[in-house]
C-alpha atoms as a PDB file:
ATOM      1  CA  UNK A   1     -21.948   5.641  -5.184  1.00  0.00           C
ATOM      2  CA  UNK A   2     -19.104   2.965  -4.351  1.00  0.00           C
ATOM      3  CA  UNK A   3     -17.004   4.808  -7.224  1.00  0.00           C
ATOM      4  CA  UNK A   4     -17.281   8.395  -5.092  1.00  0.00           C
ATOM      5  CA  UNK A   5     -16.613   6.871  -2.139  1.00  0.00           C
ATOM      6  CA  UNK A   6     -13.325   5.442  -3.614  1.00  0.00           C
ATOM      7  CA  UNK A   7     -12.313   8.404  -5.355  1.00  0.00           C
ATOM      8  CA  UNK A   8     -12.893  10.304  -1.700  1.00  0.00           C
ATOM      9  CA  UNK A   9     -10.911   8.209  -0.112  1.00  0.00           C
ATOM     10  CA  UNK A  10      -8.137   8.166  -2.561  1.00  0.00           C
ATOM     11  CA  UNK A  11      -8.137  11.893  -2.819  1.00  0.00           C
ATOM     12  CA  UNK A  12      -8.102  11.950   1.298  1.00  0.00           C
ATOM     13  CA  UNK A  13      -4.951   9.457   1.522  1.00  0.00           C
ATOM     14  CA  UNK A  14      -3.438  11.855  -1.163  1.00  0.00           C
ATOM     15  CA  UNK A  15      -4.035  14.605   0.953  1.00  0.00           C
ATOM     16  CA  UNK A  16      -3.629  13.166   3.968  1.00  0.00           C
ATOM     17  CA  UNK A  17       0.290  12.218   2.662  1.00  0.00           C
ATOM     18  CA  UNK A  18       1.276  15.833   1.240  1.00  0.00           C
ATOM     19  CA  UNK A  19      -0.270  17.601   4.704  1.00  0.00           C
ATOM     20  CA  UNK A  20       2.323  15.282   6.717  1.00  0.00           C
ATOM     21  CA  UNK A  21       5.321  15.738   4.717  1.00  0.00           C
ATOM     22  CA  UNK A  22       4.771  19.524   4.719  1.00  0.00           C
ATOM     23  CA  UNK A  23       4.895  19.295   8.219  1.00  0.00           C
ATOM     24  CA  UNK A  24       7.970  17.949   8.275  1.00  0.00           C
ATOM     25  CA  UNK A  25      11.321  20.629   8.933  1.00  0.00           C
ATOM     26  CA  UNK A  26      14.595  19.871   7.649  1.00  0.00           C
ATOM     27  CA  UNK A  27      16.226  17.988  10.099  1.00  0.00           C
ATOM     28  CA  UNK A  28      19.549  18.096  11.893  1.00  0.00           C
ATOM     29  CA  UNK A  29      21.675  15.498  13.674  1.00  0.00           C
ATOM     30  CA  UNK A  30      23.366  16.823  16.616  1.00  0.00           C
ATOM     31  CA  UNK A  31      24.873  14.953  20.133  1.00  0.00           C
ATOM     32  CA  UNK A  32      22.281  14.816  22.564  1.00  0.00           C
ATOM     33  CA  UNK A  33      23.851  14.162  25.706  1.00  0.00           C
ATOM     34  CA  UNK A  34      21.103  15.596  28.417  1.00  0.00           C
ATOM     35  CA  UNK A  35      18.336  13.984  26.308  1.00  0.00           C
ATOM     36  CA  UNK A  36      15.182  13.141  28.084  1.00  0.00           C
ATOM     37  CA  UNK A  37      12.734  10.652  27.364  1.00  0.00           C
ATOM     38  CA  UNK A  38       8.850  10.970  27.154  1.00  0.00           C
ATOM     39  CA  UNK A  39       6.619   7.915  27.643  1.00  0.00           C
ATOM     40  CA  UNK A  40       3.151   7.207  28.196  1.00  0.00           C
ATOM     41  CA  UNK A  41       0.202   5.527  27.156  1.00  0.00           C
ATOM     42  CA  UNK A  42      -3.236   5.437  24.653  1.00  0.00           C
ATOM     43  CA  UNK A  43      -5.835   4.103  26.383  1.00  0.00           C
ATOM     44  CA  UNK A  44      -9.619   3.739  24.913  1.00  0.00           C
ATOM     45  CA  UNK A  45     -12.432   5.917  26.457  1.00  0.00           C
ATOM     46  CA  UNK A  46     -16.178   5.117  25.940  1.00  0.00           C
ATOM     47  CA  UNK A  47     -18.052   2.001  24.451  1.00  0.00           C
ATOM     48  CA  UNK A  48     -15.646  -0.283  22.283  1.00  0.00           C
ATOM     49  CA  UNK A  49     -17.174  -0.121  18.461  1.00  0.00           C
ATOM     50  CA  UNK A  50     -18.157  -3.505  17.154  1.00  0.00           C
ATOM     51  CA  UNK A  51     -15.722  -4.441  14.415  1.00  0.00           C
ATOM     52  CA  UNK A  52     -16.890  -7.125  12.044  1.00  0.00           C
ATOM     53  CA  UNK A  53     -14.474  -9.770  10.682  1.00  0.00           C
ATOM     54  CA  UNK A  54     -13.895  -9.888   7.287  1.00  0.00           C
ATOM     55  CA  UNK A  55     -14.483 -12.875   4.961  1.00  0.00           C
ATOM     56  CA  UNK A  56     -12.145 -15.454   3.819  1.00  0.00           C
ATOM     57  CA  UNK A  57     -13.063 -15.332   0.086  1.00  0.00           C
ATOM     58  CA  UNK A  58      -9.150 -16.550  -1.325  1.00  0.00           C
ATOM     59  CA  UNK A  59      -6.898 -19.575  -0.565  1.00  0.00           C
ATOM     60  CA  UNK A  60      -8.418 -20.619   2.577  1.00  0.00           C
ATOM     61  CA  UNK A  61      -5.992 -23.167   3.180  1.00  0.00           C
ATOM     62  CA  UNK A  62      -3.092 -20.953   3.276  1.00  0.00           C
ATOM     63  CA  UNK A  63      -4.888 -17.779   4.678  1.00  0.00           C
ATOM     64  CA  UNK A  64      -7.261 -19.672   7.020  1.00  0.00           C
ATOM     65  CA  UNK A  65      -5.675 -22.792   8.478  1.00  0.00           C
ATOM     66  CA  UNK A  66      -7.550 -22.763  11.913  1.00  0.00           C
ATOM     67  CA  UNK A  67     -11.005 -22.653   9.584  1.00  0.00           C
ATOM     68  CA  UNK A  68     -12.682 -20.132  11.175  1.00  0.00           C
ATOM     69  CA  UNK A  69     -13.692 -18.611   7.795  1.00  0.00           C
ATOM     70  CA  UNK A  70     -13.501 -15.178   8.728  1.00  0.00           C
ATOM     71  CA  UNK A  71     -10.256 -12.699   9.532  1.00  0.00           C
ATOM     72  CA  UNK A  72      -9.850  -9.574  11.321  1.00  0.00           C
ATOM     73  CA  UNK A  73      -9.155  -6.378   9.438  1.00  0.00           C
ATOM     74  CA  UNK A  74      -6.330  -5.249  12.562  1.00  0.00           C
ATOM     75  CA  UNK A  75      -8.169  -1.949  12.404  1.00  0.00           C
ATOM     76  CA  UNK A  76      -8.568  -1.498  16.019  1.00  0.00           C
ATOM     77  CA  UNK A  77      -6.766  -3.918  18.597  1.00  0.00           C
ATOM     78  CA  UNK A  78      -7.464  -2.996  22.093  1.00  0.00           C
ATOM     79  CA  UNK A  79      -5.356  -4.631  25.300  1.00  0.00           C
ATOM     80  CA  UNK A  80      -7.298  -6.166  28.655  1.00  0.00           C
ATOM     81  CA  UNK A  81      -6.750  -2.866  30.247  1.00  0.00           C
ATOM     82  CA  UNK A  82      -7.946  -0.709  27.508  1.00  0.00           C
ATOM     83  CA  UNK A  83      -4.513  -0.230  25.848  1.00  0.00           C
ATOM     84  CA  UNK A  84      -4.840   0.626  21.935  1.00  0.00           C
ATOM     85  CA  UNK A  85      -2.132  -1.015  19.954  1.00  0.00           C
ATOM     86  CA  UNK A  86      -0.674   0.178  16.345  1.00  0.00           C
ATOM     87  CA  UNK A  87      -1.097   3.905  17.059  1.00  0.00           C
ATOM     88  CA  UNK A  88       1.856   6.101  16.028  1.00  0.00           C
ATOM     89  CA  UNK A  89       2.642   8.808  18.715  1.00  0.00           C
ATOM     90  CA  UNK A  90       5.816  11.167  17.675  1.00  0.00           C
ATOM     91  CA  UNK A  91       7.303  14.690  18.294  1.00  0.00           C
ATOM     92  CA  UNK A  92       5.506  17.360  15.383  1.00  0.00           C
ATOM     93  CA  UNK A  93       8.389  19.445  13.858  1.00  0.00           C
ATOM     94  CA  UNK A  94      10.919  18.831  15.921  1.00  0.00           C
ATOM     95  CA  UNK A  95      14.214  20.302  13.985  1.00  0.00           C
ATOM     96  CA  UNK A  96      17.035  18.495  16.185  1.00  0.00           C
ATOM     97  CA  UNK A  97      17.913  15.517  17.757  1.00  0.00           C
ATOM     98  CA  UNK A  98      19.549  11.837  17.788  1.00  0.00           C
ATOM     99  CA  UNK A  99      20.000   9.544  14.828  1.00  0.00           C
ATOM    100  CA  UNK A 100      17.649   8.802  12.479  1.00  0.00           C
ATOM    101  CA  UNK A 101      17.139   5.289  13.968  1.00  0.00           C
ATOM    102  CA  UNK A 102      13.868   3.258  14.100  1.00  0.00           C
ATOM    103  CA  UNK A 103      12.859  -0.293  15.071  1.00  0.00           C
ATOM    104  CA  UNK A 104      14.298  -3.161  12.512  1.00  0.00           C
ATOM    105  CA  UNK A 105      11.203  -4.943  13.058  1.00  0.00           C
ATOM    106  CA  UNK A 106       9.169  -1.783  11.611  1.00  0.00           C
ATOM    107  CA  UNK A 107      11.186  -1.577   8.641  1.00  0.00           C
ATOM    108  CA  UNK A 108      10.443  -5.381   7.480  1.00  0.00           C
ATOM    109  CA  UNK A 109       7.254  -6.304   6.071  1.00  0.00           C
ATOM    110  CA  UNK A 110       5.884 -10.077   5.830  1.00  0.00           C
ATOM    111  CA  UNK A 111       2.821 -11.694   4.315  1.00  0.00           C
ATOM    112  CA  UNK A 112       1.795 -14.512   6.363  1.00  0.00           C
ATOM    113  CA  UNK A 113      -1.264 -16.481   6.767  1.00  0.00           C
ATOM    114  CA  UNK A 114      -2.573 -13.691   4.202  1.00  0.00           C
ATOM    115  CA  UNK A 115      -2.075 -11.091   6.962  1.00  0.00           C
ATOM    116  CA  UNK A 116       0.471  -7.800   6.768  1.00  0.00           C
ATOM    117  CA  UNK A 117       3.092  -8.512   9.641  1.00  0.00           C
ATOM    118  CA  UNK A 118       3.699  -5.976  11.386  1.00  0.00           C
ATOM    119  CA  UNK A 119       0.496  -3.466  10.860  1.00  0.00           C
ATOM    120  CA  UNK A 120       2.032  -0.503  11.269  1.00  0.00           C
ATOM    121  CA  UNK A 121       5.381   0.352   9.476  1.00  0.00           C
ATOM    122  CA  UNK A 122       8.221   3.324  10.516  1.00  0.00           C
ATOM    123  CA  UNK A 123      10.693   3.925   7.857  1.00  0.00           C
ATOM    124  CA  UNK A 124      13.543   6.391   7.819  1.00  0.00           C
ATOM    125  CA  UNK A 125      13.462   8.529   5.036  1.00  0.00           C
ATOM    126  CA  UNK A 126      15.735   7.260   2.372  1.00  0.00           C
ATOM    127  CA  UNK A 127      15.630   3.631   3.767  1.00  0.00           C
ATOM    128  CA  UNK A 128      14.819   0.837   2.144  1.00  0.00           C
ATOM    129  CA  UNK A 129      11.441  -1.327   3.286  1.00  0.00           C
ATOM    130  CA  UNK A 130      12.075  -4.737   2.980  1.00  0.00           C
ATOM    131  CA  UNK A 131       9.750  -7.115   2.276  1.00  0.00           C
ATOM    132  CA  UNK A 132       8.997 -11.113   1.788  1.00  0.00           C
ATOM    133  CA  UNK A 133       6.133 -13.303   1.764  1.00  0.00           C
ATOM    134  CA  UNK A 134       5.659 -16.733   3.628  1.00  0.00           C
ATOM    135  CA  UNK A 135       2.686 -17.626   1.459  1.00  0.00           C
ATOM    136  CA  UNK A 136       2.929 -20.200  -1.170  1.00  0.00           C
ATOM    137  CA  UNK A 137       0.879 -17.912  -2.945  1.00  0.00           C
ATOM    138  CA  UNK A 138       1.106 -14.971  -4.988  1.00  0.00           C
ATOM    139  CA  UNK A 139       0.742 -11.930  -3.356  1.00  0.00           C
ATOM    140  CA  UNK A 140       1.052  -8.227  -4.725  1.00  0.00           C
ATOM    141  CA  UNK A 141       1.827  -5.049  -3.000  1.00  0.00           C
ATOM    142  CA  UNK A 142      -0.223  -2.489  -4.168  1.00  0.00           C
ATOM    143  CA  UNK A 143       1.028   1.220  -2.375  1.00  0.00           C
ATOM    144  CA  UNK A 144       0.006   4.578  -2.757  1.00  0.00           C
ATOM    145  CA  UNK A 145       0.573   7.847  -0.717  1.00  0.00           C
ATOM    146  CA  UNK A 146       4.067   8.857  -0.300  1.00  0.00           C
ATOM    147  CA  UNK A 147       5.334   5.698  -2.054  1.00  0.00           C
ATOM    148  CA  UNK A 148       3.151   4.319  -5.093  1.00  0.00           C
ATOM    149  CA  UNK A 149       4.673   0.535  -5.940  1.00  0.00           C
ATOM    150  CA  UNK A 150       2.873  -2.544  -7.174  1.00  0.00           C
ATOM    151  CA  UNK A 151       5.316  -5.549  -6.395  1.00  0.00           C
ATOM    152  CA  UNK A 152       4.432  -8.841  -6.616  1.00  0.00           C
ATOM    153  CA  UNK A 153       5.557 -12.284  -4.954  1.00  0.00           C
ATOM    154  CA  UNK A 154       5.002 -15.058  -6.645  1.00  0.00           C
ATOM    155  CA  UNK A 155       7.441 -17.321  -4.512  1.00  0.00           C
ATOM    156  CA  UNK A 156       7.589 -17.753  -0.655  1.00  0.00           C
ATOM    157  CA  UNK A 157      10.736 -16.184   0.968  1.00  0.00           C
ATOM    158  CA  UNK A 158      11.676 -13.997  -1.829  1.00  0.00           C
ATOM    159  CA  UNK A 159      13.289 -10.423  -0.477  1.00  0.00           C
ATOM    160  CA  UNK A 160      12.372  -7.756  -2.101  1.00  0.00           C
ATOM    161  CA  UNK A 161      12.934  -3.993  -1.484  1.00  0.00           C
ATOM    162  CA  UNK A 162      12.043  -0.197  -2.407  1.00  0.00           C
ATOM    163  CA  UNK A 163      13.774   2.964  -1.062  1.00  0.00           C
ATOM    164  CA  UNK A 164      11.077   5.485   0.552  1.00  0.00           C
ATOM    165  CA  UNK A 165      12.638   8.763  -0.243  1.00  0.00           C
ATOM    166  CA  UNK A 166       9.623  10.792   0.416  1.00  0.00           C
ATOM    167  CA  UNK A 167       7.854  11.678   4.090  1.00  0.00           C
ATOM    168  CA  UNK A 168       4.564  10.479   4.611  1.00  0.00           C
ATOM    169  CA  UNK A 169       1.734   8.295   4.838  1.00  0.00           C
ATOM    170  CA  UNK A 170       1.712   5.446   2.447  1.00  0.00           C
ATOM    171  CA  UNK A 171      -1.475   2.366   2.370  1.00  0.00           C
ATOM    172  CA  UNK A 172      -0.768  -0.924   1.682  1.00  0.00           C
ATOM    173  CA  UNK A 173      -3.155  -3.333   0.071  1.00  0.00           C
ATOM    174  CA  UNK A 174      -2.838  -6.582  -1.841  1.00  0.00           C
ATOM    175  CA  UNK A 175      -4.080  -7.054  -5.764  1.00  0.00           C
ATOM    176  CA  UNK A 176      -3.397 -10.438  -5.629  1.00  0.00           C
ATOM    177  CA  UNK A 177      -7.080 -10.873  -4.372  1.00  0.00           C
ATOM    178  CA  UNK A 178      -6.883 -11.026  -0.544  1.00  0.00           C
ATOM    179  CA  UNK A 179      -8.709  -8.034  -0.236  1.00  0.00           C
ATOM    180  CA  UNK A 180      -8.948  -8.165   3.676  1.00  0.00           C
ATOM    181  CA  UNK A 181      -5.224  -7.347   3.787  1.00  0.00           C
ATOM    182  CA  UNK A 182      -3.872  -3.652   4.908  1.00  0.00           C
ATOM    183  CA  UNK A 183      -1.585  -2.018   6.507  1.00  0.00           C
ATOM    184  CA  UNK A 184      -0.012   1.245   6.906  1.00  0.00           C
ATOM    185  CA  UNK A 185       3.320   2.766   6.611  1.00  0.00           C
ATOM    186  CA  UNK A 186       4.760   6.165   7.875  1.00  0.00           C
ATOM    187  CA  UNK A 187       8.242   7.122   6.196  1.00  0.00           C
ATOM    188  CA  UNK A 188       9.408   9.662   8.798  1.00  0.00           C
ATOM    189  CA  UNK A 189      12.237  12.270   8.798  1.00  0.00           C
ATOM    190  CA  UNK A 190      13.105  12.094  12.047  1.00  0.00           C
ATOM    191  CA  UNK A 191      13.640   9.587  14.752  1.00  0.00           C
ATOM    192  CA  UNK A 192      11.010  10.634  17.636  1.00  0.00           C
ATOM    193  CA  UNK A 193       8.673   8.082  16.647  1.00  0.00           C
ATOM    194  CA  UNK A 194       6.654   5.401  18.485  1.00  0.00           C
ATOM    195  CA  UNK A 195       4.195   2.439  17.515  1.00  0.00           C
ATOM    196  CA  UNK A 196       2.509   1.462  20.652  1.00  0.00           C
ATOM    197  CA  UNK A 197       2.812  -2.077  21.891  1.00  0.00           C
ATOM    198  CA  UNK A 198      -0.404  -4.415  22.874  1.00  0.00           C
ATOM    199  CA  UNK A 199      -0.780  -2.398  26.302  1.00  0.00           C
ATOM    200  CA  UNK A 200      -0.857   0.725  24.331  1.00  0.00           C
ATOM    201  CA  UNK A 201       2.617   1.645  26.255  1.00  0.00           C
ATOM    202  CA  UNK A 202       5.362   4.018  24.339  1.00  0.00           C
ATOM    203  CA  UNK A 203       8.290   5.801  25.036  1.00  0.00           C
ATOM    204  CA  UNK A 204      10.686   8.668  22.952  1.00  0.00           C
ATOM    205  CA  UNK A 205      14.299   8.553  24.130  1.00  0.00           C
ATOM    206  CA  UNK A 206      17.066  11.020  23.932  1.00  0.00           C
ATOM    207  CA  UNK A 207      14.649  13.933  23.432  1.00  0.00           C
ATOM    208  CA  UNK A 208      16.639  17.308  23.616  1.00  0.00           C
ATOM    209  CA  UNK A 209      15.432  19.292  26.513  1.00  0.00           C
ATOM    210  CA  UNK A 210      12.049  21.471  25.253  1.00  0.00           C
ATOM    211  CA  UNK A 211       8.394  22.068  24.786  1.00  0.00           C
ATOM    212  CA  UNK A 212       6.903  19.737  22.400  1.00  0.00           C
ATOM    213  CA  UNK A 213       3.796  18.834  20.632  1.00  0.00           C
ATOM    214  CA  UNK A 214       3.126  15.309  20.857  1.00  0.00           C
ATOM    215  CA  UNK A 215       0.625  13.641  18.366  1.00  0.00           C
ATOM    216  CA  UNK A 216      -1.020  10.146  18.792  1.00  0.00           C
ATOM    217  CA  UNK A 217      -2.012   8.933  15.312  1.00  0.00           C
ATOM    218  CA  UNK A 218      -4.468   6.178  14.447  1.00  0.00           C
ATOM    219  CA  UNK A 219      -5.080   4.788  11.402  1.00  0.00           C
ATOM    220  CA  UNK A 220      -8.871   4.663  12.290  1.00  0.00           C
ATOM    221  CA  UNK A 221     -11.341   1.699  12.513  1.00  0.00           C
ATOM    222  CA  UNK A 222     -14.282   2.494  10.610  1.00  0.00           C
ATOM    223  CA  UNK A 223     -15.522   0.878   7.498  1.00  0.00           C
ATOM    224  CA  UNK A 224     -16.524   3.738   4.760  1.00  0.00           C
ATOM    225  CA  UNK A 225     -17.944   1.157   2.538  1.00  0.00           C
ATOM    226  CA  UNK A 226     -16.194  -1.016  -0.709  1.00  0.00           C
ATOM    227  CA  UNK A 227     -14.385  -0.945  -3.809  1.00  0.00           C
ATOM    228  CA  UNK A 228     -14.032  -2.602  -7.065  1.00  0.00           C
ATOM    229  CA  UNK A 229     -10.231  -4.169  -7.124  1.00  0.00           C
ATOM    230  CA  UNK A 230      -8.821  -6.596  -9.310  1.00  0.00           C
ATOM    231  CA  UNK A 231      -7.218  -9.581  -8.617  1.00  0.00           C
ATOM    232  CA  UNK A 232      -4.099 -10.052 -11.014  1.00  0.00           C
ATOM    233  CA  UNK A 233      -3.996 -13.804 -10.683  1.00  0.00           C
ATOM    234  CA  UNK A 234      -7.633 -14.490 -11.590  1.00  0.00           C
ATOM    235  CA  UNK A 235      -8.363 -11.428 -13.629  1.00  0.00           C
ATOM    236  CA  UNK A 236     -11.035 -10.599 -11.904  1.00  0.00           C
ATOM    237  CA  UNK A 237     -13.118  -8.003 -10.123  1.00  0.00           C
ATOM    238  CA  UNK A 238     -13.317  -8.314  -6.460  1.00  0.00           C
ATOM    239  CA  UNK A 239     -14.861  -6.270  -3.486  1.00  0.00           C
ATOM    240  CA  UNK A 240     -12.274  -4.683  -1.256  1.00  0.00           C
ATOM    241  CA  UNK A 241     -13.305  -2.559   2.076  1.00  0.00           C
ATOM    242  CA  UNK A 242     -12.643   0.753   2.442  1.00  0.00           C
ATOM    243  CA  UNK A 243     -11.417   2.367   5.507  1.00  0.00           C
ATOM    244  CA  UNK A 244     -12.632   5.660   7.334  1.00  0.00           C
ATOM    245  CA  UNK A 245      -9.937   8.390   7.391  1.00  0.00           C
ATOM    246  CA  UNK A 246      -7.097   8.124  10.508  1.00  0.00           C
ATOM    247  CA  UNK A 247      -7.336  10.045  13.674  1.00  0.00           C
ATOM    248  CA  UNK A 248      -4.837  12.283  15.668  1.00  0.00           C
ATOM    249  CA  UNK A 249      -4.937  13.634  19.237  1.00  0.00           C
ATOM    250  CA  UNK A 250      -2.384  16.487  20.250  1.00  0.00           C
ATOM    251  CA  UNK A 251      -0.950  17.382  23.678  1.00  0.00           C
ATOM    252  CA  UNK A 252       2.305  19.897  24.720  1.00  0.00           C
ATOM    253  CA  UNK A 253       4.836  18.211  26.965  1.00  0.00           C
ATOM    254  CA  UNK A 254       8.024  19.374  28.302  1.00  0.00           C
ATOM    255  CA  UNK A 255      10.615  17.596  29.110  1.00  0.00           C
ATOM    256  CA  UNK A 256      14.165  18.558  31.090  1.00  0.00           C
ATOM    257  CA  UNK A 257      17.472  17.566  30.825  1.00  0.00           C
ATOM    258  CA  UNK A 258      18.249  13.955  31.923  1.00  0.00           C
ATOM    259  CA  UNK A 259      14.278  13.939  32.863  1.00  0.00           C
ATOM    260  CA  UNK A 260      11.197  12.320  32.117  1.00  0.00           C
ATOM    261  CA  UNK A 261       8.265  13.328  31.445  1.00  0.00           C
ATOM    262  CA  UNK A 262       4.720  11.079  31.076  1.00  0.00           C
ATOM    263  CA  UNK A 263       2.055  11.525  28.562  1.00  0.00           C
ATOM    264  CA  UNK A 264      -1.545   9.879  28.584  1.00  0.00           C
ATOM    265  CA  UNK A 265      -4.064   9.972  25.268  1.00  0.00           C
ATOM    266  CA  UNK A 266      -7.347   9.018  25.839  1.00  0.00           C
ATOM    267  CA  UNK A 267      -9.214   8.321  22.439  1.00  0.00           C
ATOM    268  CA  UNK A 268     -12.493   7.407  21.250  1.00  0.00           C
ATOM    269  CA  UNK A 269     -15.293   7.884  18.991  1.00  0.00           C
ATOM    270  CA  UNK A 270     -16.008  11.219  20.235  1.00  0.00           C
END
């Protein structure tokens, strides 16, 4: 049964990455002199699910310096007013606009206290993802989906980089036995993407006037089970959490020349 769950989740991830890549049209950079702004929020509606922390089963002196013995999987982060952090909001199938530039902090991954920082990455197509580890232990970043790498980080602050050539979703896990470590990366073909902050807010700027489909994408917060993984350092089998599929919500938005539009999403279990 566990093997079936693992196979199904890997198949879904591959299909999701392929669907995402197929949905992206060729993008042309143009001068946007009369662009507008789309801003808004993503907030939680309904009862908040009970999310269990995961036990720290390796390197507690590094991964759990406060001695809590468990760690958050960071799959659903809610602000005090219900804002949902780490949601990717983007315009679907926009064909022309400003240059492909995204926040630098979303293109640099650190491994600190056995967590991926940031938890959600945004990398332009054909750009580099820079990676390092601040931890004095072996981490191995395993990627699957639109990119496939298995990269060891045996030394602290050792920089490594890889070019992300294919647009789509990339799933990140640690093959160094720190089974709770997880992050998601979106490799994108245009710049109209944003990640919500701790209050659930987002903003897209210099949007050419027009009507668009705007999508809120969340990685999903449920646990589908566990799978067998391999700790490359101890050469032992370990149990890693398997998550439920991502969720999306879509709306239509119109932005005028030099104008501003507001789009708010309510998301939840329903």
